[in-house]
PDB file of N, CA and C in Angstrom:
ATOM      1  N   MET A   1     124.124  95.190  76.494  1.00  0.00           N
ATOM      2  CA  MET A   1     123.206  94.591  77.453  1.00  0.00           C
ATOM      3  C   MET A   1     121.781  94.857  76.984  1.00  0.00           C
ATOM      4  N   ALA A   2     121.214  93.909  76.289  1.00  0.00           N
ATOM      5  CA  ALA A   2     119.894  94.074  75.680  1.00  0.00           C
ATOM      6  C   ALA A   2     118.795  94.180  76.717  1.00  0.00           C
ATOM      7  N   ARG A   3     118.854  93.404  77.772  1.00  0.00           N
ATOM      8  CA  ARG A   3     117.766  93.412  78.751  1.00  0.00           C
ATOM      9  C   ARG A   3     117.639  94.765  79.436  1.00  0.00           C
ATOM     10  N   GLY A   4     118.722  95.433  79.683  1.00  0.00           N
ATOM     11  CA  GLY A   4     118.659  96.750  80.307  1.00  0.00           C
ATOM     12  C   GLY A   4     117.888  97.735  79.433  1.00  0.00           C
ATOM     13  N   GLN A   5     118.154  97.721  78.137  1.00  0.00           N
ATOM     14  CA  GLN A   5     117.455  98.613  77.211  1.00  0.00           C
ATOM     15  C   GLN A   5     115.980  98.236  77.106  1.00  0.00           C
ATOM     16  N   GLN A   6     115.680  96.935  77.058  1.00  0.00           N
ATOM     17  CA  GLN A   6     114.298  96.480  76.997  1.00  0.00           C
ATOM     18  C   GLN A   6     113.532  96.912  78.245  1.00  0.00           C
ATOM     19  N   LYS A   7     114.191  96.843  79.374  1.00  0.00           N
ATOM     20  CA  LYS A   7     113.550  97.234  80.637  1.00  0.00           C
ATOM     21  C   LYS A   7     113.191  98.714  80.614  1.00  0.00           C
ATOM     22  N   ILE A   8     114.094  99.531  80.156  1.00  0.00           N
ATOM     23  CA  ILE A   8     113.846 100.981  80.081  1.00  0.00           C
ATOM     24  C   ILE A   8     112.705 101.271  79.119  1.00  0.00           C
ATOM     25  N   GLN A   9     112.710 100.617  77.962  1.00  0.00           N
ATOM     26  CA  GLN A   9     111.638 100.821  76.988  1.00  0.00           C
ATOM     27  C   GLN A   9     110.292 100.368  77.538  1.00  0.00           C
ATOM     28  N   SER A  10     110.288  99.251  78.232  1.00  0.00           N
ATOM     29  CA  SER A  10     109.057  98.742  78.824  1.00  0.00           C
ATOM     30  C   SER A  10     108.520  99.705  79.887  1.00  0.00           C
ATOM     31  N   GLN A  11     109.392 100.246  80.703  1.00  0.00           N
ATOM     32  CA  GLN A  11     108.977 101.209  81.725  1.00  0.00           C
ATOM     33  C   GLN A  11     108.391 102.464  81.085  1.00  0.00           C
ATOM     34  N   GLN A  12     109.014 102.953  80.026  1.00  0.00           N
ATOM     35  CA  GLN A  12     108.511 104.138  79.340  1.00  0.00           C
ATOM     36  C   GLN A  12     107.150 103.868  78.715  1.00  0.00           C
ATOM     37  N   LYS A  13     106.997 102.706  78.091  1.00  0.00           N
ATOM     38  CA  LYS A  13     105.726 102.328  77.468  1.00  0.00           C
ATOM     39  C   LYS A  13     104.620 102.240  78.518  1.00  0.00           C
ATOM     40  N   ASN A  14     104.914 101.600  79.648  1.00  0.00           N
ATOM     41  CA  ASN A  14     103.919 101.474  80.713  1.00  0.00           C
ATOM     42  C   ASN A  14     103.564 102.829  81.320  1.00  0.00           C
ATOM     43  N   GLN A  15     104.536 103.717  81.420  1.00  0.00           N
ATOM     44  CA  GLN A  15     104.272 105.055  81.953  1.00  0.00           C
ATOM     45  C   GLN A  15     103.367 105.846  81.011  1.00  0.00           C
ATOM     46  N   LYS A  16     103.598 105.746  79.700  1.00  0.00           N
ATOM     47  CA  LYS A  16     102.738 106.417  78.731  1.00  0.00           C
ATOM     48  C   LYS A  16     101.313 105.879  78.801  1.00  0.00           C
ATOM     49  N   LYS A  17     101.193 104.563  78.945  1.00  0.00           N
ATOM     50  CA  LYS A  17      99.879 103.927  79.047  1.00  0.00           C
ATOM     51  C   LYS A  17      99.148 104.398  80.305  1.00  0.00           C
ATOM     52  N   ALA A  18      99.857 104.476  81.422  1.00  0.00           N
ATOM     53  CA  ALA A  18      99.256 104.928  82.673  1.00  0.00           C
ATOM     54  C   ALA A  18      98.847 106.391  82.591  1.00  0.00           C
ATOM     55  N   ASP A  19      99.675 107.209  81.956  1.00  0.00           N
ATOM     56  CA  ASP A  19      99.344 108.627  81.781  1.00  0.00           C
ATOM     57  C   ASP A  19      98.100 108.799  80.911  1.00  0.00           C
ATOM     58  N   ALA A  20      97.993 108.008  79.854  1.00  0.00           N
ATOM     59  CA  ALA A  20      96.831 108.093  78.972  1.00  0.00           C
ATOM     60  C   ALA A  20      95.565 107.681  79.720  1.00  0.00           C
ATOM     61  N   ALA A  21      95.648 106.643  80.540  1.00  0.00           N
ATOM     62  CA  ALA A  21      94.487 106.198  81.319  1.00  0.00           C
ATOM     63  C   ALA A  21      94.092 107.256  82.338  1.00  0.00           C
ATOM     64  N   ARG A  22      95.066 107.896  82.947  1.00  0.00           N
ATOM     65  CA  ARG A  22      94.791 108.937  83.938  1.00  0.00           C
ATOM     66  C   ARG A  22      94.115 110.140  83.282  1.00  0.00           C
ATOM     67  N   LYS A  23      94.575 110.516  82.090  1.00  0.00           N
ATOM     68  CA  LYS A  23      93.971 111.636  81.366  1.00  0.00           C
ATOM     69  C   LYS A  23      92.550 111.311  80.920  1.00  0.00           C
ATOM     70  N   ALA A  24      92.305 110.048  80.595  1.00  0.00           N
ATOM     71  CA  ALA A  24      90.981 109.634  80.139  1.00  0.00           C
ATOM     72  C   ALA A  24      90.001 109.521  81.303  1.00  0.00           C
ATOM     73  N   GLY A  25      90.502 109.573  82.517  1.00  0.00           N
ATOM     74  CA  GLY A  25      89.631 109.520  83.676  1.00  0.00           C
ATOM     75  C   GLY A  25      89.297 108.106  84.130  1.00  0.00           C
ATOM     76  N   ILE A  26      90.079 107.151  83.701  1.00  0.00           N
ATOM     77  CA  ILE A  26      89.856 105.769  84.107  1.00  0.00           C
ATOM     78  C   ILE A  26      90.499 105.556  85.471  1.00  0.00           C
ATOM     79  N   ASP A  27      89.677 105.190  86.445  1.00  0.00           N
ATOM     80  CA  ASP A  27      90.171 104.979  87.793  1.00  0.00           C
ATOM     81  C   ASP A  27      89.838 103.547  88.206  1.00  0.00           C
ATOM     82  N   GLN A  28      90.832 102.692  88.252  1.00  0.00           N
ATOM     83  CA  GLN A  28      90.609 101.279  88.542  1.00  0.00           C
ATOM     84  C   GLN A  28      90.098 101.066  89.957  1.00  0.00           C
ATOM     85  N   LYS A  29      90.585 101.845  90.909  1.00  0.00           N
ATOM     86  CA  LYS A  29      90.143 101.680  92.296  1.00  0.00           C
ATOM     87  C   LYS A  29      88.662 102.020  92.442  1.00  0.00           C
ATOM     88  N   ALA A  30      88.218 103.058  91.785  1.00  0.00           N
ATOM     89  CA  ALA A  30      86.811 103.443  91.859  1.00  0.00           C
ATOM     90  C   ALA A  30      85.926 102.401  91.182  1.00  0.00           C
ATOM     91  N   ALA A  31      86.373 101.870  90.065  1.00  0.00           N
ATOM     92  CA  ALA A  31      85.602 100.845  89.367  1.00  0.00           C
ATOM     93  C   ALA A  31      85.503  99.582  90.207  1.00  0.00           C
ATOM     94  N   ALA A  32      86.576  99.213  90.869  1.00  0.00           N
ATOM     95  CA  ALA A  32      86.558  98.023  91.724  1.00  0.00           C
ATOM     96  C   ALA A  32      85.650  98.236  92.928  1.00  0.00           C
ATOM     97  N   ALA A  33      85.693  99.414  93.512  1.00  0.00           N
ATOM     98  CA  ALA A  33      84.852  99.712  94.670  1.00  0.00           C
ATOM     99  C   ALA A  33      83.375  99.733  94.287  1.00  0.00           C
ATOM    100  N   LYS A  34      83.068 100.193  93.085  1.00  0.00           N
ATOM    101  CA  LYS A  34      81.683 100.246  92.622  1.00  0.00           C
ATOM    102  C   LYS A  34      81.104  98.841  92.456  1.00  0.00           C
ATOM    103  N   ALA A  35      81.955  97.859  92.103  1.00  0.00           N
ATOM    104  CA  ALA A  35      81.497  96.490  91.892  1.00  0.00           C
ATOM    105  C   ALA A  35      81.187  95.770  93.205  1.00  0.00           C
ATOM    106  N   LEU A  36      81.723  96.258  94.317  1.00  0.00           N
ATOM    107  CA  LEU A  36      81.503  95.616  95.607  1.00  0.00           C
ATOM    108  C   LEU A  36      80.263  96.223  96.256  1.00  0.00           C
ATOM    109  N   ASN A  37      79.158  95.479  96.286  1.00  0.00           N
ATOM    110  CA  ASN A  37      77.924  96.072  96.783  1.00  0.00           C
ATOM    111  C   ASN A  37      77.227  95.251  97.852  1.00  0.00           C
ATOM    112  N   HIS A  38      77.899  94.239  98.423  1.00  0.00           N
ATOM    113  CA  HIS A  38      77.337  93.483  99.539  1.00  0.00           C
ATOM    114  C   HIS A  38      78.304  93.580 100.710  1.00  0.00           C
ATOM    115  N   LYS A  39      77.824  94.023 101.856  1.00  0.00           N
ATOM    116  CA  LYS A  39      78.679  94.223 103.016  1.00  0.00           C
ATOM    117  C   LYS A  39      78.360  93.185 104.088  1.00  0.00           C
ATOM    118  N   CYS A  40      79.390  92.517 104.585  1.00  0.00           N
ATOM    119  CA  CYS A  40      79.228  91.529 105.644  1.00  0.00           C
ATOM    120  C   CYS A  40      78.773  92.240 106.916  1.00  0.00           C
ATOM    121  N   THR A  41      77.780  91.673 107.574  1.00  0.00           N
ATOM    122  CA  THR A  41      77.229  92.303 108.768  1.00  0.00           C
ATOM    123  C   THR A  41      78.134  92.135 109.982  1.00  0.00           C
ATOM    124  N   VAL A  42      79.056  91.180 109.943  1.00  0.00           N
ATOM    125  CA  VAL A  42      79.935  90.925 111.088  1.00  0.00           C
ATOM    126  C   VAL A  42      81.248  91.696 110.961  1.00  0.00           C
ATOM    127  N   CYS A  43      81.967  91.490 109.860  1.00  0.00           N
ATOM    128  CA  CYS A  43      83.299  92.097 109.725  1.00  0.00           C
ATOM    129  C   CYS A  43      83.326  93.295 108.774  1.00  0.00           C
ATOM    130  N   LEU A  44      82.206  93.599 108.153  1.00  0.00           N
ATOM    131  CA  LEU A  44      82.054  94.733 107.233  1.00  0.00           C
ATOM    132  C   LEU A  44      82.913  94.630 105.970  1.00  0.00           C
ATOM    133  N   ALA A  45      83.337  93.409 105.623  1.00  0.00           N
ATOM    134  CA  ALA A  45      84.069  93.200 104.371  1.00  0.00           C
ATOM    135  C   ALA A  45      83.083  93.330 103.204  1.00  0.00           C
ATOM    136  N   MET A  46      83.568  93.802 102.067  1.00  0.00           N
ATOM    137  CA  MET A  46      82.730  94.006 100.895  1.00  0.00           C
ATOM    138  C   MET A  46      82.892  92.834  99.929  1.00  0.00           C
ATOM    139  N   MET A  47      81.751  92.387  99.364  1.00  0.00           N
ATOM    140  CA  MET A  47      81.728  91.293  98.402  1.00  0.00           C
ATOM    141  C   MET A  47      80.965  91.713  97.148  1.00  0.00           C
ATOM    142  N   PRO A  48      81.321  91.123  95.984  1.00  0.00           N
ATOM    143  CA  PRO A  48      80.677  91.530  94.729  1.00  0.00           C
ATOM    144  C   PRO A  48      79.298  90.935  94.494  1.00  0.00           C
ATOM    145  N   ASP A  49      79.005  89.742  95.048  1.00  0.00           N
ATOM    146  CA  ASP A  49      77.712  89.116  94.788  1.00  0.00           C
ATOM    147  C   ASP A  49      77.252  88.294  95.995  1.00  0.00           C
ATOM    148  N   PRO A  50      75.965  87.942  96.034  1.00  0.00           N
ATOM    149  CA  PRO A  50      75.436  87.214  97.192  1.00  0.00           C
ATOM    150  C   PRO A  50      76.044  85.824  97.384  1.00  0.00           C
ATOM    151  N   LYS A  51      76.398  85.154  96.299  1.00  0.00           N
ATOM    152  CA  LYS A  51      76.981  83.818  96.416  1.00  0.00           C
ATOM    153  C   LYS A  51      78.331  83.882  97.146  1.00  0.00           C
ATOM    154  N   THR A  52      79.158  84.822  96.755  1.00  0.00           N
ATOM    155  CA  THR A  52      80.444  85.014  97.412  1.00  0.00           C
ATOM    156  C   THR A  52      80.244  85.421  98.862  1.00  0.00           C
ATOM    157  N   TYR A  53      79.264  86.272  99.094  1.00  0.00           N
ATOM    158  CA  TYR A  53      78.954  86.728 100.445  1.00  0.00           C
ATOM    159  C   TYR A  53      78.556  85.541 101.322  1.00  0.00           C
ATOM    160  N   LYS A  54      77.731  84.646 100.803  1.00  0.00           N
ATOM    161  CA  LYS A  54      77.289  83.483 101.586  1.00  0.00           C
ATOM    162  C   LYS A  54      78.475  82.566 101.887  1.00  0.00           C
ATOM    163  N   GLN A  55      79.332  82.332 100.901  1.00  0.00           N
ATOM    164  CA  GLN A  55      80.512  81.502 101.115  1.00  0.00           C
ATOM    165  C   GLN A  55      81.413  82.126 102.176  1.00  0.00           C
ATOM    166  N   HIS A  56      81.614  83.426 102.088  1.00  0.00           N
ATOM    167  CA  HIS A  56      82.417  84.149 103.076  1.00  0.00           C
ATOM    168  C   HIS A  56      81.822  83.977 104.469  1.00  0.00           C
ATOM    169  N   PHE A  57      80.520  84.185 104.570  1.00  0.00           N
ATOM    170  CA  PHE A  57      79.862  84.137 105.868  1.00  0.00           C
ATOM    171  C   PHE A  57      79.955  82.744 106.482  1.00  0.00           C
ATOM    172  N   GLU A  58      79.739  81.711 105.659  1.00  0.00           N
ATOM    173  CA  GLU A  58      79.810  80.337 106.169  1.00  0.00           C
ATOM    174  C   GLU A  58      81.223  79.952 106.596  1.00  0.00           C
ATOM    175  N   ASN A  59      82.231  80.452 105.891  1.00  0.00           N
ATOM    176  CA  ASN A  59      83.617  80.104 106.212  1.00  0.00           C
ATOM    177  C   ASN A  59      84.211  80.945 107.334  1.00  0.00           C
ATOM    178  N   LYS A  60      83.935  82.220 107.340  1.00  0.00           N
ATOM    179  CA  LYS A  60      84.567  83.115 108.302  1.00  0.00           C
ATOM    180  C   LYS A  60      83.777  83.294 109.596  1.00  0.00           C
ATOM    181  N   HIS A  61      82.476  83.117 109.538  1.00  0.00           N
ATOM    182  CA  HIS A  61      81.626  83.350 110.711  1.00  0.00           C
ATOM    183  C   HIS A  61      80.684  82.164 110.936  1.00  0.00           C
ATOM    184  N   PRO A  62      81.216  80.956 111.152  1.00  0.00           N
ATOM    185  CA  PRO A  62      80.352  79.774 111.259  1.00  0.00           C
ATOM    186  C   PRO A  62      79.438  79.775 112.485  1.00  0.00           C
ATOM    187  N   LYS A  63      79.827  80.474 113.541  1.00  0.00           N
ATOM    188  CA  LYS A  63      79.016  80.477 114.756  1.00  0.00           C
ATOM    189  C   LYS A  63      77.904  81.526 114.721  1.00  0.00           C
ATOM    190  N   SER A  64      78.015  82.485 113.832  1.00  0.00           N
ATOM    191  CA  SER A  64      76.995  83.537 113.723  1.00  0.00           C
ATOM    192  C   SER A  64      75.819  83.036 112.897  1.00  0.00           C
ATOM    193  N   PRO A  65      74.616  83.473 113.237  1.00  0.00           N
ATOM    194  CA  PRO A  65      73.449  83.061 112.433  1.00  0.00           C
ATOM    195  C   PRO A  65      73.502  83.711 111.048  1.00  0.00           C
ATOM    196  N   LEU A  66      73.053  82.972 110.057  1.00  0.00           N
ATOM    197  CA  LEU A  66      73.056  83.442 108.667  1.00  0.00           C
ATOM    198  C   LEU A  66      72.047  84.581 108.511  1.00  0.00           C
ATOM    199  N   PRO A  67      72.440  85.709 107.909  1.00  0.00           N
ATOM    200  CA  PRO A  67      71.503  86.814 107.694  1.00  0.00           C
ATOM    201  C   PRO A  67      70.322  86.395 106.814  1.00  0.00           C
ATOM    202  N   ALA A  68      69.216  87.055 106.981  1.00  0.00           N
ATOM    203  CA  ALA A  68      67.995  86.712 106.248  1.00  0.00           C
ATOM    204  C   ALA A  68      68.175  86.828 104.739  1.00  0.00           C
ATOM    205  N   GLU A  69      68.946  87.804 104.261  1.00  0.00           N
ATOM    206  CA  GLU A  69      69.102  87.978 102.817  1.00  0.00           C
ATOM    207  C   GLU A  69      69.916  86.853 102.182  1.00  0.00           C
ATOM    208  N   LEU A  70      70.626  86.045 102.978  1.00  0.00           N
ATOM    209  CA  LEU A  70      71.428  84.946 102.427  1.00  0.00           C
ATOM    210  C   LEU A  70      70.728  83.597 102.531  1.00  0.00           C
ATOM    211  N   ALA A  71      69.593  83.533 103.190  1.00  0.00           N
ATOM    212  CA  ALA A  71      68.907  82.263 103.409  1.00  0.00           C
ATOM    213  C   ALA A  71      68.482  81.612 102.085  1.00  0.00           C
ATOM    214  N   GLU A  72      68.048  82.378 101.115  1.00  0.00           N
ATOM    215  CA  GLU A  72      67.555  81.811  99.863  1.00  0.00           C
ATOM    216  C   GLU A  72      68.623  81.712  98.774  1.00  0.00           C
ATOM    217  N   VAL A  73      69.863  82.159  99.049  1.00  0.00           N
ATOM    218  CA  VAL A  73      70.928  82.113  98.049  1.00  0.00           C
ATOM    219  C   VAL A  73      71.481  80.697  97.959  1.00  0.00           C
ATOM    220  N   ALA A  74      71.552  80.158  96.736  1.00  0.00           N
ATOM    221  CA  ALA A  74      72.092  78.821  96.514  1.00  0.00           C
ATOM    222  C   ALA A  74      73.616  78.874  96.534  1.00  0.00           C
ATOM    223  N   ALA A  75      74.218  77.959  97.221  1.00  0.00           N
ATOM    224  CA  ALA A  75      75.691  77.955  97.319  1.00  0.00           C
ATOM    225  C   ALA A  75      76.332  77.098  96.266  1.00  0.00           C
TER     226      ALA A  75
END
């Protein structure tokens, strides 16, 4: 059964890769959180850039007035 052996080898390879990343101090969750630097004033969701933030605000909160920092952002 070749696939069973391939699966085991793949799992071992991925585990070694994850262990190496952990030892190197690479934290994907922290890197992703660092990239999110715009917070929605209504629902407190985090967005990576003002354009995405404006699109979110227009789609999710159409009845709320647009925040001042989004007025000049081009959609």
